[in-house]
N, C-alpha and C. Protein backbone atom coordinates (compact mmCIF):
# COMPACT_ATOMS: atom_id res chain seq x y z
N UNK A 1 11.64 98.95 64.13
CA UNK A 1 11.97 99.32 65.45
C UNK A 1 13.10 98.49 66.02
N UNK A 2 13.15 97.27 65.57
CA UNK A 2 14.22 96.40 66.04
C UNK A 2 15.56 96.94 65.61
N UNK A 3 15.58 97.54 64.40
CA UNK A 3 16.85 98.11 63.94
C UNK A 3 17.29 99.26 64.83
N UNK A 4 16.38 100.10 65.29
CA UNK A 4 16.71 101.23 66.17
C UNK A 4 17.23 100.75 67.50
N UNK A 5 16.65 99.70 68.03
CA UNK A 5 17.10 99.16 69.32
C UNK A 5 18.50 98.59 69.20
N UNK A 6 18.78 97.94 68.06
CA UNK A 6 20.14 97.41 67.86
C UNK A 6 21.15 98.53 67.77
N UNK A 7 20.78 99.63 67.11
CA UNK A 7 21.71 100.75 66.99
C UNK A 7 21.97 101.36 68.36
N UNK A 8 20.94 101.48 69.18
CA UNK A 8 21.13 102.04 70.52
C UNK A 8 22.03 101.11 71.35
N UNK A 9 21.85 99.82 71.20
CA UNK A 9 22.69 98.85 71.92
C UNK A 9 24.14 98.97 71.50
N UNK A 10 24.35 99.15 70.19
CA UNK A 10 25.73 99.29 69.70
C UNK A 10 26.36 100.56 70.23
N UNK A 11 25.60 101.65 70.28
CA UNK A 11 26.12 102.92 70.79
C UNK A 11 26.49 102.76 72.26
N UNK A 12 25.58 102.09 73.03
CA UNK A 12 25.87 101.86 74.44
C UNK A 12 27.12 101.00 74.60
N UNK A 13 27.25 99.96 73.78
CA UNK A 13 28.43 99.09 73.85
C UNK A 13 29.71 99.88 73.54
N UNK A 14 29.65 100.73 72.54
CA UNK A 14 30.83 101.54 72.19
C UNK A 14 31.19 102.49 73.32
N UNK A 15 30.15 103.09 73.93
CA UNK A 15 30.39 104.00 75.06
C UNK A 15 31.02 103.24 76.23
N UNK A 16 30.51 102.03 76.52
CA UNK A 16 31.08 101.25 77.62
C UNK A 16 32.52 100.88 77.34
N UNK A 17 32.79 100.50 76.09
CA UNK A 17 34.17 100.16 75.72
C UNK A 17 35.04 101.40 75.85
N UNK A 18 34.56 102.54 75.41
CA UNK A 18 35.31 103.79 75.53
C UNK A 18 35.58 104.15 76.98
N UNK A 19 34.55 104.01 77.83
CA UNK A 19 34.71 104.31 79.25
C UNK A 19 35.72 103.36 79.89
N UNK A 20 35.63 102.10 79.52
CA UNK A 20 36.56 101.11 80.06
C UNK A 20 37.99 101.45 79.64
N UNK A 21 38.18 101.87 78.40
CA UNK A 21 39.52 102.25 77.93
C UNK A 21 40.05 103.46 78.70
N UNK A 22 39.18 104.42 79.00
CA UNK A 22 39.59 105.60 79.77
C UNK A 22 40.02 105.16 81.17
N UNK A 23 39.24 104.27 81.81
CA UNK A 23 39.58 103.78 83.14
C UNK A 23 40.92 103.05 83.11
N UNK A 24 41.15 102.21 82.13
CA UNK A 24 42.41 101.49 82.00
C UNK A 24 43.57 102.47 81.81
N UNK A 25 43.38 103.50 80.97
CA UNK A 25 44.43 104.48 80.73
C UNK A 25 44.77 105.24 82.01
N UNK A 26 43.75 105.61 82.79
CA UNK A 26 43.99 106.32 84.05
C UNK A 26 44.75 105.42 85.02
N UNK A 27 44.38 104.14 85.10
CA UNK A 27 45.07 103.20 85.98
C UNK A 27 46.53 103.03 85.57
N UNK A 28 46.79 102.92 84.28
CA UNK A 28 48.16 102.78 83.78
C UNK A 28 48.98 104.01 84.14
N UNK A 29 48.40 105.20 83.96
CA UNK A 29 49.12 106.43 84.31
C UNK A 29 49.38 106.51 85.81
N UNK A 30 48.40 106.14 86.62
CA UNK A 30 48.57 106.18 88.08
C UNK A 30 49.65 105.20 88.53
N UNK A 31 49.62 103.99 87.98
CA UNK A 31 50.63 103.00 88.34
C UNK A 31 52.02 103.45 87.88
N UNK A 32 52.09 104.07 86.72
CA UNK A 32 53.37 104.58 86.23
C UNK A 32 53.92 105.66 87.14
N UNK A 33 53.06 106.56 87.62
CA UNK A 33 53.50 107.62 88.52
C UNK A 33 53.97 107.03 89.84
N UNK A 34 53.22 106.07 90.38
CA UNK A 34 53.63 105.42 91.62
C UNK A 34 54.95 104.68 91.45
N UNK A 35 55.12 104.03 90.31
CA UNK A 35 56.37 103.34 90.02
C UNK A 35 57.54 104.30 89.97
N UNK A 36 57.32 105.47 89.36
CA UNK A 36 58.38 106.47 89.31
C UNK A 36 58.76 106.97 90.69
N UNK A 37 57.76 107.18 91.54
CA UNK A 37 58.03 107.60 92.92
C UNK A 37 58.77 106.51 93.67
N UNK A 38 58.38 105.28 93.45
CA UNK A 38 59.04 104.15 94.11
C UNK A 38 60.49 104.04 93.68
N UNK A 39 60.76 104.27 92.40
CA UNK A 39 62.13 104.20 91.89
C UNK A 39 62.97 105.29 92.54
N UNK A 40 62.42 106.50 92.65
CA UNK A 40 63.16 107.61 93.26
C UNK A 40 63.48 107.28 94.72
N UNK A 41 62.52 106.76 95.45
CA UNK A 41 62.75 106.40 96.84
C UNK A 41 63.79 105.28 96.94
N UNK A 42 63.72 104.31 96.04
CA UNK A 42 64.70 103.22 96.02
C UNK A 42 66.09 103.77 95.74
N UNK A 43 66.22 104.68 94.78
CA UNK A 43 67.52 105.26 94.43
C UNK A 43 68.10 106.03 95.62
N UNK A 44 67.27 106.83 96.31
CA UNK A 44 67.74 107.60 97.47
C UNK A 44 68.19 106.66 98.59
N UNK A 45 67.44 105.61 98.84
CA UNK A 45 67.81 104.65 99.88
C UNK A 45 69.13 103.97 99.53
N UNK A 46 69.30 103.64 98.27
CA UNK A 46 70.54 103.00 97.83
C UNK A 46 71.73 103.94 97.99
N UNK A 47 71.53 105.22 97.67
CA UNK A 47 72.61 106.19 97.82
C UNK A 47 72.92 106.43 99.29
N UNK A 48 71.92 106.40 100.15
CA UNK A 48 72.16 106.54 101.60
C UNK A 48 73.03 105.37 102.10
N UNK A 49 72.78 104.18 101.59
CA UNK A 49 73.60 103.02 101.97
C UNK A 49 75.04 103.21 101.48
N UNK A 50 75.22 103.72 100.28
CA UNK A 50 76.57 104.00 99.77
C UNK A 50 77.25 105.07 100.62
N UNK A 51 76.49 106.08 101.01
CA UNK A 51 77.03 107.15 101.84
C UNK A 51 77.50 106.59 103.19
N UNK A 52 76.75 105.68 103.77
CA UNK A 52 77.14 105.06 105.04
C UNK A 52 78.40 104.22 104.87
N UNK A 53 78.50 103.49 103.77
CA UNK A 53 79.70 102.70 103.49
C UNK A 53 80.91 103.61 103.30
N UNK A 54 80.71 104.71 102.60
CA UNK A 54 81.77 105.69 102.38
C UNK A 54 82.22 106.29 103.72
N UNK A 55 81.26 106.62 104.59
CA UNK A 55 81.60 107.18 105.90
C UNK A 55 82.44 106.19 106.70
N UNK A 56 82.12 104.92 106.59
CA UNK A 56 82.90 103.89 107.26
C UNK A 56 84.32 103.85 106.71
N UNK A 57 84.45 103.94 105.38
CA UNK A 57 85.78 103.96 104.76
C UNK A 57 86.60 105.15 105.22
N UNK A 58 86.00 106.34 105.18
CA UNK A 58 86.76 107.55 105.52
C UNK A 58 87.12 107.55 107.00
N UNK A 59 86.25 107.00 107.85
CA UNK A 59 86.57 106.88 109.28
C UNK A 59 87.74 105.92 109.48
N UNK A 60 87.76 104.82 108.73
CA UNK A 60 88.88 103.87 108.81
C UNK A 60 90.18 104.54 108.39
N UNK A 61 90.12 105.36 107.35
CA UNK A 61 91.32 106.08 106.91
C UNK A 61 91.78 107.02 108.02
N UNK A 62 90.84 107.69 108.69
CA UNK A 62 91.20 108.55 109.81
C UNK A 62 91.87 107.77 110.93
N UNK A 63 91.37 106.57 111.22
CA UNK A 63 92.00 105.73 112.25
C UNK A 63 93.39 105.27 111.81
N UNK A 64 93.53 104.96 110.51
CA UNK A 64 94.85 104.58 109.98
C UNK A 64 95.84 105.73 110.14
N UNK A 65 95.38 106.96 109.85
CA UNK A 65 96.24 108.13 110.00
C UNK A 65 96.62 108.34 111.47
N UNK A 66 95.67 108.10 112.38
CA UNK A 66 95.95 108.24 113.82
C UNK A 66 96.98 107.21 114.27
N UNK A 67 96.86 105.97 113.80
CA UNK A 67 97.84 104.94 114.16
C UNK A 67 99.22 105.29 113.60
N UNK A 68 99.25 105.79 112.36
CA UNK A 68 100.51 106.22 111.76
C UNK A 68 101.15 107.30 112.63
N UNK A 69 100.35 108.31 113.02
CA UNK A 69 100.88 109.40 113.83
C UNK A 69 101.41 108.89 115.17
N UNK A 70 100.73 107.94 115.78
CA UNK A 70 101.19 107.36 117.04
C UNK A 70 102.56 106.71 116.87
N UNK A 71 102.75 106.01 115.76
CA UNK A 71 104.01 105.32 115.51
C UNK A 71 105.14 106.25 115.07
N UNK A 72 104.82 107.44 114.59
CA UNK A 72 105.84 108.35 114.05
C UNK A 72 105.89 109.68 114.81
N UNK A 73 105.92 109.59 116.13
CA UNK A 73 106.13 110.79 116.94
C UNK A 73 105.02 111.81 116.82
N UNK A 74 103.78 111.38 116.69
CA UNK A 74 102.61 112.24 116.62
C UNK A 74 102.56 113.04 115.30
N UNK A 75 103.30 112.60 114.30
CA UNK A 75 103.30 113.32 113.02
C UNK A 75 102.51 112.56 111.97
N UNK A 76 101.84 113.33 111.13
CA UNK A 76 101.09 112.76 110.01
C UNK A 76 102.06 112.41 108.89
N UNK A 77 101.60 111.68 107.86
CA UNK A 77 102.51 111.27 106.78
C UNK A 77 103.23 112.45 106.12
N UNK A 78 104.46 112.20 105.65
CA UNK A 78 105.24 113.25 104.98
C UNK A 78 104.70 113.53 103.58
N UNK A 79 105.21 114.59 102.92
CA UNK A 79 104.77 114.86 101.55
C UNK A 79 105.00 113.64 100.66
N UNK A 80 104.16 113.48 99.70
CA UNK A 80 104.25 112.34 98.80
C UNK A 80 102.94 111.58 98.78
N UNK A 81 103.04 110.32 98.51
CA UNK A 81 101.84 109.49 98.39
C UNK A 81 101.41 109.02 99.77
N UNK A 82 100.40 109.63 100.34
CA UNK A 82 99.93 109.31 101.68
C UNK A 82 99.43 107.87 101.77
N UNK A 83 98.90 107.34 100.68
CA UNK A 83 98.40 105.97 100.70
C UNK A 83 99.54 104.97 100.88
N UNK A 84 100.69 105.25 100.30
CA UNK A 84 101.85 104.38 100.47
C UNK A 84 102.31 104.43 101.93
N UNK A 85 102.27 105.61 102.54
CA UNK A 85 102.65 105.74 103.95
C UNK A 85 101.76 104.90 104.85
N UNK A 86 100.52 104.70 104.45
CA UNK A 86 99.56 103.96 105.28
C UNK A 86 99.49 102.48 104.96
N UNK A 87 100.34 101.99 104.05
CA UNK A 87 100.27 100.58 103.62
C UNK A 87 100.21 99.60 104.78
N UNK A 88 100.99 99.78 105.81
CA UNK A 88 101.01 98.85 106.92
C UNK A 88 99.82 98.96 107.86
N UNK A 89 98.99 99.97 107.64
CA UNK A 89 97.86 100.22 108.54
C UNK A 89 96.51 99.88 107.92
N UNK A 90 96.46 99.79 106.62
CA UNK A 90 95.19 99.57 105.92
C UNK A 90 94.93 98.07 105.83
N UNK A 91 93.80 97.65 106.37
CA UNK A 91 93.45 96.23 106.37
C UNK A 91 92.97 95.77 105.00
N UNK A 92 92.32 96.66 104.27
CA UNK A 92 91.71 96.29 102.99
C UNK A 92 91.80 97.49 102.04
N UNK A 93 92.34 97.28 100.87
CA UNK A 93 92.50 98.37 99.90
C UNK A 93 91.16 98.97 99.48
N UNK A 94 90.06 98.27 99.72
CA UNK A 94 88.74 98.81 99.39
C UNK A 94 88.42 100.04 100.24
N UNK A 95 89.18 100.26 101.32
CA UNK A 95 89.00 101.48 102.12
C UNK A 95 89.18 102.72 101.26
N UNK A 96 90.00 102.62 100.24
CA UNK A 96 90.30 103.78 99.40
C UNK A 96 89.28 104.00 98.29
N UNK A 97 88.23 103.17 98.24
CA UNK A 97 87.28 103.24 97.14
C UNK A 97 85.91 103.66 97.68
N UNK A 98 85.47 104.83 97.28
CA UNK A 98 84.12 105.27 97.63
C UNK A 98 83.14 104.49 96.75
N UNK A 99 82.09 103.89 97.33
CA UNK A 99 81.16 103.10 96.52
C UNK A 99 80.42 103.93 95.46
N UNK A 100 80.43 105.24 95.59
CA UNK A 100 79.76 106.09 94.59
C UNK A 100 80.75 106.75 93.64
N UNK A 101 82.04 106.40 93.72
CA UNK A 101 83.08 107.11 92.95
C UNK A 101 83.00 106.85 91.46
N UNK A 102 82.59 105.68 91.03
CA UNK A 102 82.47 105.34 89.61
C UNK A 102 83.73 105.66 88.83
N UNK A 103 84.86 105.13 89.27
CA UNK A 103 86.12 105.26 88.53
C UNK A 103 86.93 106.48 88.87
N UNK A 104 86.40 107.42 89.65
CA UNK A 104 87.16 108.60 90.06
C UNK A 104 88.01 108.24 91.28
N UNK A 105 88.95 109.13 91.65
CA UNK A 105 89.69 108.87 92.88
C UNK A 105 88.71 108.79 94.05
N UNK A 106 89.02 107.97 95.02
CA UNK A 106 88.11 107.81 96.15
C UNK A 106 88.20 108.94 97.15
N UNK A 107 89.35 109.12 97.76
CA UNK A 107 89.48 110.06 98.85
C UNK A 107 90.73 110.91 98.70
N UNK A 108 90.68 112.09 99.31
CA UNK A 108 91.83 113.00 99.30
C UNK A 108 92.35 113.14 100.72
N UNK A 109 93.62 113.45 100.82
CA UNK A 109 94.29 113.69 102.11
C UNK A 109 94.67 115.17 102.15
N UNK A 110 94.57 115.78 103.30
CA UNK A 110 94.90 117.19 103.47
C UNK A 110 96.41 117.37 103.51
N UNK A 111 97.00 117.68 102.38
CA UNK A 111 98.46 117.82 102.30
C UNK A 111 98.98 119.05 103.02
N UNK A 112 98.09 119.92 103.48
CA UNK A 112 98.56 121.03 104.31
C UNK A 112 99.01 120.53 105.68
N UNK A 113 98.66 119.27 105.98
CA UNK A 113 99.07 118.69 107.26
C UNK A 113 100.21 117.68 107.09
N UNK A 114 100.89 117.69 105.94
CA UNK A 114 102.05 116.80 105.74
C UNK A 114 103.05 116.98 106.89
N UNK A 115 103.43 115.88 107.51
CA UNK A 115 104.42 115.86 108.59
C UNK A 115 104.06 116.74 109.77
N UNK A 116 102.83 117.16 109.85
CA UNK A 116 102.40 118.06 110.93
C UNK A 116 102.15 117.25 112.20
N UNK A 117 102.53 117.80 113.35
CA UNK A 117 102.30 117.13 114.64
C UNK A 117 100.83 117.32 115.03
N UNK A 118 100.14 116.22 115.21
CA UNK A 118 98.72 116.25 115.52
C UNK A 118 98.45 117.06 116.79
N UNK A 119 99.30 116.93 117.79
CA UNK A 119 99.06 117.65 119.05
C UNK A 119 99.18 119.16 118.89
N UNK A 120 99.76 119.63 117.79
CA UNK A 120 99.87 121.08 117.55
C UNK A 120 98.63 121.65 116.86
N UNK A 121 97.71 120.81 116.48
CA UNK A 121 96.49 121.32 115.85
C UNK A 121 95.73 122.18 116.86
N UNK A 122 95.38 123.39 116.46
CA UNK A 122 94.70 124.29 117.40
C UNK A 122 93.28 123.80 117.71
N UNK A 123 92.56 123.29 116.70
CA UNK A 123 91.20 122.80 116.91
C UNK A 123 91.05 121.50 116.11
N UNK A 124 91.44 120.34 116.68
CA UNK A 124 91.38 119.08 115.95
C UNK A 124 89.99 118.76 115.39
N UNK A 125 88.96 119.21 116.07
CA UNK A 125 87.59 118.94 115.61
C UNK A 125 87.25 119.68 114.33
N UNK A 126 88.08 120.65 113.93
CA UNK A 126 87.83 121.40 112.70
C UNK A 126 88.86 121.12 111.61
N UNK A 127 89.87 120.34 111.91
CA UNK A 127 90.94 120.06 110.94
C UNK A 127 90.58 118.82 110.13
N UNK A 128 90.37 119.01 108.84
CA UNK A 128 90.06 117.89 107.95
C UNK A 128 91.32 117.08 107.70
N UNK A 129 91.24 115.76 107.89
CA UNK A 129 92.35 114.89 107.49
C UNK A 129 92.11 114.37 106.07
N UNK A 130 90.86 114.05 105.76
CA UNK A 130 90.55 113.51 104.44
C UNK A 130 89.08 113.71 104.12
N UNK A 131 88.75 113.54 102.83
CA UNK A 131 87.39 113.73 102.37
C UNK A 131 87.18 113.05 101.03
N UNK A 132 85.93 112.98 100.62
CA UNK A 132 85.57 112.47 99.30
C UNK A 132 86.19 113.39 98.26
N UNK A 133 86.98 112.85 97.36
CA UNK A 133 87.66 113.68 96.36
C UNK A 133 86.95 113.55 95.02
N UNK A 134 86.94 114.63 94.30
CA UNK A 134 86.47 114.57 92.92
C UNK A 134 87.65 114.20 92.03
N UNK A 135 87.42 114.20 90.75
CA UNK A 135 88.51 113.93 89.82
C UNK A 135 89.53 115.06 89.92
N UNK A 136 90.77 114.73 90.13
CA UNK A 136 91.83 115.73 90.26
C UNK A 136 92.93 115.39 89.28
N UNK A 137 93.65 116.41 88.79
CA UNK A 137 94.79 116.12 87.91
C UNK A 137 95.81 115.25 88.64
N UNK A 138 96.61 114.46 87.93
CA UNK A 138 97.60 113.61 88.58
C UNK A 138 98.51 114.41 89.50
N UNK A 139 98.74 113.89 90.70
CA UNK A 139 99.65 114.53 91.64
C UNK A 139 99.08 115.70 92.40
N UNK A 140 97.82 116.05 92.18
CA UNK A 140 97.21 117.19 92.85
C UNK A 140 96.07 116.67 93.71
N UNK A 141 96.03 117.12 94.95
CA UNK A 141 94.94 116.74 95.84
C UNK A 141 94.05 117.95 96.04
N UNK A 142 92.76 117.84 95.72
CA UNK A 142 91.87 118.99 95.91
C UNK A 142 91.61 119.25 97.38
N UNK A 143 91.32 120.48 97.72
CA UNK A 143 90.96 120.84 99.07
C UNK A 143 89.45 120.99 99.16
N UNK A 144 88.90 121.00 100.38
CA UNK A 144 87.46 121.22 100.48
C UNK A 144 87.06 122.47 99.71
N UNK A 145 85.94 122.41 99.09
CA UNK A 145 85.51 123.47 98.17
C UNK A 145 85.58 122.93 96.75
N UNK A 146 86.39 121.90 96.55
CA UNK A 146 86.46 121.21 95.25
C UNK A 146 86.16 119.74 95.47
N UNK A 147 85.19 119.47 96.32
CA UNK A 147 84.84 118.09 96.64
C UNK A 147 83.95 117.50 95.56
N UNK A 148 83.65 116.23 95.70
CA UNK A 148 82.93 115.50 94.66
C UNK A 148 81.41 115.67 94.71
N UNK A 149 80.84 115.98 95.86
CA UNK A 149 79.38 116.04 96.04
C UNK A 149 78.73 114.76 95.55
N UNK A 150 79.29 113.64 95.95
CA UNK A 150 78.80 112.35 95.48
C UNK A 150 77.55 111.87 96.19
N UNK A 151 77.34 112.31 97.42
CA UNK A 151 76.29 111.72 98.24
C UNK A 151 75.16 112.71 98.48
N UNK A 152 74.23 112.75 97.57
CA UNK A 152 73.03 113.57 97.72
C UNK A 152 73.38 115.02 98.05
N UNK A 153 74.32 115.59 97.30
CA UNK A 153 74.67 117.00 97.45
C UNK A 153 75.71 117.29 98.52
N UNK A 154 76.47 116.30 98.93
CA UNK A 154 77.50 116.52 99.94
C UNK A 154 78.54 115.41 99.91
N UNK A 155 79.46 115.46 100.87
CA UNK A 155 80.53 114.47 100.95
C UNK A 155 80.85 114.14 102.40
N UNK A 156 81.55 113.04 102.58
CA UNK A 156 82.00 112.62 103.90
C UNK A 156 83.40 113.18 104.17
N UNK A 157 83.62 113.62 105.40
CA UNK A 157 84.91 114.17 105.84
C UNK A 157 85.33 113.43 107.09
N UNK A 158 86.65 113.30 107.30
CA UNK A 158 87.16 112.79 108.57
C UNK A 158 88.02 113.89 109.17
N UNK A 159 87.86 114.10 110.46
CA UNK A 159 88.54 115.18 111.17
C UNK A 159 89.65 114.61 112.05
N UNK A 160 90.55 115.47 112.48
CA UNK A 160 91.70 115.04 113.28
C UNK A 160 91.29 114.48 114.64
N UNK A 161 90.08 114.79 115.08
CA UNK A 161 89.62 114.22 116.35
C UNK A 161 89.04 112.81 116.16
N UNK A 162 89.10 112.28 114.93
CA UNK A 162 88.66 110.92 114.64
C UNK A 162 87.23 110.79 114.19
N UNK A 163 86.53 111.88 114.13
CA UNK A 163 85.12 111.88 113.78
C UNK A 163 84.94 111.95 112.27
N UNK A 164 83.99 111.18 111.75
CA UNK A 164 83.61 111.26 110.33
C UNK A 164 82.24 111.90 110.27
N UNK A 165 82.05 112.78 109.29
CA UNK A 165 80.78 113.50 109.19
C UNK A 165 80.49 113.83 107.73
N UNK A 166 79.20 113.73 107.38
CA UNK A 166 78.74 114.16 106.06
C UNK A 166 78.48 115.66 106.14
N UNK A 167 78.99 116.40 105.16
CA UNK A 167 78.73 117.83 105.07
C UNK A 167 78.11 118.12 103.72
N UNK A 168 77.08 118.94 103.72
CA UNK A 168 76.49 119.36 102.44
C UNK A 168 77.47 120.31 101.76
N UNK A 169 77.29 120.52 100.48
CA UNK A 169 78.19 121.40 99.73
C UNK A 169 78.23 122.79 100.35
N UNK A 170 77.12 123.26 100.88
CA UNK A 170 77.06 124.58 101.49
C UNK A 170 77.75 124.66 102.85
N UNK A 171 77.97 123.54 103.51
CA UNK A 171 78.62 123.53 104.83
C UNK A 171 80.14 123.50 104.74
N UNK A 172 80.69 123.14 103.59
CA UNK A 172 82.14 123.04 103.44
C UNK A 172 82.69 124.46 103.35
N UNK A 173 83.59 124.84 104.29
CA UNK A 173 84.14 126.20 104.27
C UNK A 173 84.91 126.47 102.98
N UNK A 174 84.82 127.67 102.51
CA UNK A 174 85.60 128.09 101.34
C UNK A 174 86.46 129.28 101.74
N UNK A 175 87.42 129.60 100.92
CA UNK A 175 88.35 130.68 101.23
C UNK A 175 89.65 130.06 101.70
N UNK A 176 90.77 130.68 101.40
CA UNK A 176 92.06 130.07 101.69
C UNK A 176 92.53 130.30 103.12
N UNK A 177 93.45 129.50 103.57
CA UNK A 177 94.11 129.70 104.85
C UNK A 177 95.54 129.19 104.71
N UNK A 178 96.46 129.84 105.37
CA UNK A 178 97.84 129.36 105.36
C UNK A 178 98.20 128.79 106.72
N UNK A 179 97.26 128.77 107.65
CA UNK A 179 97.50 128.25 108.99
C UNK A 179 97.41 126.73 108.97
N UNK A 180 98.53 126.02 109.07
CA UNK A 180 98.46 124.56 109.02
C UNK A 180 97.74 123.96 110.22
N UNK A 181 97.56 124.74 111.28
CA UNK A 181 96.88 124.23 112.46
C UNK A 181 95.38 124.46 112.38
N UNK A 182 94.94 125.23 111.41
CA UNK A 182 93.51 125.49 111.25
C UNK A 182 92.92 124.59 110.18
N UNK A 183 91.61 124.64 110.04
CA UNK A 183 90.99 123.80 109.01
C UNK A 183 91.40 124.25 107.62
N UNK A 184 91.80 123.34 106.74
CA UNK A 184 92.14 123.73 105.37
C UNK A 184 90.88 124.20 104.66
N UNK A 185 90.99 125.29 103.96
CA UNK A 185 89.82 125.82 103.28
C UNK A 185 90.21 126.30 101.90
N UNK A 186 89.25 126.29 101.00
CA UNK A 186 89.47 126.85 99.69
C UNK A 186 89.62 125.79 98.62
N UNK A 187 89.78 126.26 97.41
CA UNK A 187 89.84 125.34 96.28
C UNK A 187 91.24 125.11 95.76
N UNK A 188 92.26 125.62 96.43
CA UNK A 188 93.62 125.43 95.95
C UNK A 188 94.16 124.06 96.28
N UNK A 189 95.33 123.78 95.80
CA UNK A 189 95.97 122.50 96.11
C UNK A 189 97.40 122.77 96.51
N UNK A 190 97.93 121.85 97.25
CA UNK A 190 99.31 122.01 97.67
C UNK A 190 100.22 121.18 96.83
């Protein structure tokens, strides 16, 4: 009988060990899932911080363009390299670098407004001066509709009224326009 009792004890011990292993496995899976959720939340928060830094950069570029226009008879930079035109106005070259760009161009300038008089803009609140740019061929500046979508499915834009705003990919107008006083739209380049 002693042998039977020992066998029952061993079976109970094996069952307890098995149950303990199941509990440990469930805990490991639960902690792993929570860790994954925490990582996702951390990544989103980090990207929101980059988006805010980018918005600050693009707003500074808008202010630089406004100062340039004030000094040059209310006209925006002429055709060519807009960044060179702003050299005397940019306090820090990091303004041109989007923190989420990862080696791509940082920002684009609306070349449809080259040498355009700011006061002639029909709706300054709708006229894009600059935005987050995606990779573009050398010498070509993309227009809204070909943006980078770097910041959680959207990009930062600066408008002629000095306002910077994040727009989702669906909010960026598409379709072409030849009206230099209206908002530039479409995927073409000038």
